[in-house]
């Protein structure tokens, strides 16, 4: 997803919160510990949540900082 989609989703969320829509209630429920925040996560990051994680970032997370090690580390997981 591009910047437009993420910005559109964020502006929609802000509009809902400022208008007192259900997202505002979900924020309150999350802050009160009543929910795990899954609905809010989807509202904020839904458009980009399905994007693939870049291989270089995966290599860092797998503690394989050298590019030569990316393939063996990816294969090991």
N, C-alpha and C. Protein backbone atom coordinates (compact mmCIF):
# COMPACT_ATOMS: atom_id res chain seq x y z
N UNK A 1 0.84 -1.18 0.00
CA UNK A 1 0.00 0.00 0.00
C UNK A 1 0.88 1.24 0.00
N UNK A 2 0.42 2.25 -0.65
CA UNK A 2 1.19 3.47 -0.72
C UNK A 2 0.86 4.42 0.41
N UNK A 3 1.52 5.58 0.34
CA UNK A 3 1.30 6.59 1.37
C UNK A 3 -0.15 7.05 1.39
N UNK A 4 -0.77 7.15 0.21
CA UNK A 4 -2.14 7.62 0.15
C UNK A 4 -3.07 6.73 0.97
N UNK A 5 -2.92 5.43 0.86
CA UNK A 5 -3.80 4.52 1.57
C UNK A 5 -3.64 4.64 3.08
N UNK A 6 -2.39 4.68 3.53
CA UNK A 6 -2.13 4.80 4.96
C UNK A 6 -2.64 6.13 5.49
N UNK A 7 -2.41 7.20 4.73
CA UNK A 7 -2.88 8.51 5.16
C UNK A 7 -4.40 8.58 5.16
N UNK A 8 -5.03 7.93 4.19
CA UNK A 8 -6.49 7.92 4.14
C UNK A 8 -7.05 7.17 5.34
N UNK A 9 -6.43 6.04 5.69
CA UNK A 9 -6.89 5.27 6.85
C UNK A 9 -6.71 6.07 8.13
N UNK A 10 -5.58 6.75 8.25
CA UNK A 10 -5.32 7.55 9.46
C UNK A 10 -6.30 8.70 9.54
N UNK A 11 -6.56 9.37 8.44
CA UNK A 11 -7.50 10.50 8.48
C UNK A 11 -8.90 10.02 8.79
N UNK A 12 -9.26 8.83 8.31
CA UNK A 12 -10.57 8.26 8.65
C UNK A 12 -10.66 7.98 10.13
N UNK A 13 -9.61 7.41 10.70
CA UNK A 13 -9.59 7.12 12.14
C UNK A 13 -9.70 8.40 12.94
N UNK A 14 -8.95 9.42 12.56
CA UNK A 14 -9.00 10.69 13.28
C UNK A 14 -10.40 11.29 13.19
N UNK A 15 -11.02 11.20 12.03
CA UNK A 15 -12.38 11.72 11.87
C UNK A 15 -13.36 10.98 12.77
N UNK A 16 -13.20 9.66 12.87
CA UNK A 16 -14.09 8.88 13.73
C UNK A 16 -13.89 9.24 15.19
N UNK A 17 -12.63 9.39 15.59
CA UNK A 17 -12.35 9.70 16.99
C UNK A 17 -12.90 11.08 17.35
N UNK A 18 -12.67 12.06 16.49
CA UNK A 18 -13.14 13.41 16.80
C UNK A 18 -14.65 13.52 16.71
N UNK A 19 -15.28 12.65 15.94
CA UNK A 19 -16.75 12.71 15.86
C UNK A 19 -17.40 11.88 16.96
N UNK A 20 -16.60 11.21 17.78
CA UNK A 20 -17.14 10.41 18.87
C UNK A 20 -17.67 9.07 18.41
N UNK A 21 -17.19 8.56 17.28
CA UNK A 21 -17.67 7.29 16.74
C UNK A 21 -17.13 6.12 17.54
N UNK A 22 -17.37 4.91 17.07
CA UNK A 22 -17.03 3.70 17.80
C UNK A 22 -15.54 3.54 18.07
N UNK A 23 -14.69 4.12 17.25
CA UNK A 23 -13.25 4.01 17.48
C UNK A 23 -12.86 4.66 18.81
N UNK A 24 -13.50 5.76 19.14
CA UNK A 24 -13.22 6.42 20.42
C UNK A 24 -13.58 5.49 21.57
N UNK A 25 -14.68 4.76 21.42
CA UNK A 25 -15.07 3.80 22.46
C UNK A 25 -14.06 2.66 22.54
N UNK A 26 -13.54 2.23 21.40
CA UNK A 26 -12.54 1.16 21.39
C UNK A 26 -11.26 1.62 22.07
N UNK A 27 -10.88 2.87 21.88
CA UNK A 27 -9.69 3.41 22.55
C UNK A 27 -9.90 3.37 24.06
N UNK A 28 -11.06 3.80 24.51
CA UNK A 28 -11.36 3.77 25.94
C UNK A 28 -11.32 2.34 26.48
N UNK A 29 -11.91 1.41 25.76
CA UNK A 29 -11.93 0.02 26.21
C UNK A 29 -10.51 -0.54 26.28
N UNK A 30 -9.67 -0.19 25.32
CA UNK A 30 -8.28 -0.65 25.34
C UNK A 30 -7.53 -0.06 26.53
N UNK A 31 -7.69 1.23 26.74
CA UNK A 31 -7.00 1.88 27.85
C UNK A 31 -7.48 1.38 29.21
N UNK A 32 -8.73 0.94 29.27
CA UNK A 32 -9.27 0.37 30.52
C UNK A 32 -8.89 -1.09 30.69
N UNK A 33 -8.23 -1.68 29.70
CA UNK A 33 -7.81 -3.06 29.79
C UNK A 33 -8.89 -4.07 29.44
N UNK A 34 -9.95 -3.60 28.81
CA UNK A 34 -11.06 -4.49 28.45
C UNK A 34 -10.83 -5.25 27.15
N UNK A 35 -9.95 -4.73 26.28
CA UNK A 35 -9.65 -5.40 25.01
C UNK A 35 -8.14 -5.48 24.82
N UNK A 36 -7.73 -6.28 23.83
CA UNK A 36 -6.30 -6.40 23.54
C UNK A 36 -5.83 -5.40 22.48
N UNK A 37 -6.70 -4.57 21.96
CA UNK A 37 -6.33 -3.55 20.99
C UNK A 37 -6.33 -4.03 19.54
N UNK A 38 -6.83 -5.22 19.29
CA UNK A 38 -6.85 -5.75 17.93
C UNK A 38 -7.63 -4.89 16.96
N UNK A 39 -8.75 -4.38 17.40
CA UNK A 39 -9.58 -3.53 16.54
C UNK A 39 -8.84 -2.24 16.22
N UNK A 40 -8.18 -1.68 17.23
CA UNK A 40 -7.42 -0.44 17.00
C UNK A 40 -6.25 -0.68 16.07
N UNK A 41 -5.58 -1.82 16.24
CA UNK A 41 -4.46 -2.14 15.36
C UNK A 41 -4.93 -2.18 13.91
N UNK A 42 -6.05 -2.84 13.67
CA UNK A 42 -6.58 -2.92 12.31
C UNK A 42 -6.98 -1.54 11.79
N UNK A 43 -7.55 -0.70 12.65
CA UNK A 43 -7.95 0.64 12.23
C UNK A 43 -6.74 1.48 11.85
N UNK A 44 -5.65 1.33 12.62
CA UNK A 44 -4.45 2.13 12.35
C UNK A 44 -3.57 1.55 11.26
N UNK A 45 -3.36 0.24 11.29
CA UNK A 45 -2.37 -0.37 10.42
C UNK A 45 -2.94 -1.35 9.41
N UNK A 46 -4.24 -1.52 9.36
CA UNK A 46 -4.86 -2.47 8.45
C UNK A 46 -4.38 -2.39 7.02
N UNK A 47 -4.30 -1.18 6.45
CA UNK A 47 -3.87 -1.08 5.05
C UNK A 47 -2.43 -1.53 4.80
N UNK A 48 -1.58 -1.48 5.81
CA UNK A 48 -0.18 -1.85 5.60
C UNK A 48 0.23 -3.12 6.34
N UNK A 49 -0.68 -3.69 7.11
CA UNK A 49 -0.34 -4.85 7.93
C UNK A 49 0.03 -6.08 7.10
N UNK A 50 -0.47 -6.18 5.89
CA UNK A 50 -0.21 -7.35 5.05
C UNK A 50 1.01 -7.19 4.15
N UNK A 51 1.69 -6.05 4.24
CA UNK A 51 2.88 -5.86 3.41
C UNK A 51 4.01 -6.75 3.92
N UNK A 52 4.81 -7.28 3.00
CA UNK A 52 5.91 -8.15 3.43
C UNK A 52 7.00 -7.37 4.16
N UNK A 53 7.64 -8.05 5.10
CA UNK A 53 8.76 -7.45 5.83
C UNK A 53 10.00 -7.55 4.93
N UNK A 54 10.72 -6.44 4.72
CA UNK A 54 11.91 -6.48 3.86
C UNK A 54 12.95 -7.49 4.36
N UNK A 55 13.61 -8.17 3.43
CA UNK A 55 14.59 -9.21 3.77
C UNK A 55 15.71 -8.67 4.65
N UNK A 56 16.15 -7.44 4.41
CA UNK A 56 17.25 -6.89 5.21
C UNK A 56 16.82 -6.71 6.66
N UNK A 57 15.57 -6.31 6.89
CA UNK A 57 15.08 -6.18 8.25
C UNK A 57 14.95 -7.55 8.90
N UNK A 58 14.48 -8.53 8.15
CA UNK A 58 14.40 -9.89 8.67
C UNK A 58 15.79 -10.40 9.07
N UNK A 59 16.80 -10.06 8.26
CA UNK A 59 18.16 -10.49 8.57
C UNK A 59 18.64 -9.89 9.89
N UNK A 60 18.32 -8.62 10.12
CA UNK A 60 18.71 -7.97 11.36
C UNK A 60 17.99 -8.63 12.54
N UNK A 61 16.71 -8.90 12.36
CA UNK A 61 15.94 -9.52 13.44
C UNK A 61 16.43 -10.93 13.75
N UNK A 62 16.97 -11.60 12.73
CA UNK A 62 17.51 -12.94 12.92
C UNK A 62 18.97 -12.91 13.34
N UNK A 63 19.51 -11.69 13.59
CA UNK A 63 20.89 -11.51 14.01
C UNK A 63 21.86 -11.95 12.92
N UNK A 64 21.54 -11.64 11.69
CA UNK A 64 22.41 -11.93 10.54
C UNK A 64 22.67 -10.61 9.80
N UNK A 65 23.52 -9.76 10.34
CA UNK A 65 23.69 -8.43 9.75
C UNK A 65 24.37 -8.40 8.39
N UNK A 66 25.16 -9.42 8.06
CA UNK A 66 25.84 -9.41 6.77
C UNK A 66 24.93 -9.92 5.68
N UNK A 67 24.98 -9.26 4.52
CA UNK A 67 24.13 -9.67 3.42
C UNK A 67 24.40 -11.11 3.00
N UNK A 68 25.63 -11.56 3.11
CA UNK A 68 25.95 -12.93 2.71
C UNK A 68 25.24 -13.94 3.58
N UNK A 69 24.89 -13.51 4.80
CA UNK A 69 24.23 -14.43 5.73
C UNK A 69 22.72 -14.42 5.62
N UNK A 70 22.16 -13.54 4.81
CA UNK A 70 20.71 -13.42 4.73
C UNK A 70 20.07 -14.72 4.27
N UNK A 71 20.58 -15.32 3.21
CA UNK A 71 19.98 -16.55 2.68
C UNK A 71 20.06 -17.69 3.68
N UNK A 72 21.24 -17.96 4.30
CA UNK A 72 21.26 -19.05 5.28
C UNK A 72 20.35 -18.78 6.48
N UNK A 73 20.28 -17.54 6.91
CA UNK A 73 19.42 -17.23 8.06
C UNK A 73 17.95 -17.39 7.69
N UNK A 74 17.58 -16.96 6.50
CA UNK A 74 16.20 -17.11 6.05
C UNK A 74 15.84 -18.57 5.91
N UNK A 75 16.79 -19.38 5.45
CA UNK A 75 16.53 -20.80 5.29
C UNK A 75 16.44 -21.51 6.63
N UNK A 76 17.11 -20.96 7.65
CA UNK A 76 17.12 -21.61 8.97
C UNK A 76 15.82 -21.43 9.72
N UNK A 77 15.02 -20.42 9.32
CA UNK A 77 13.78 -20.19 10.07
C UNK A 77 12.62 -21.00 9.57
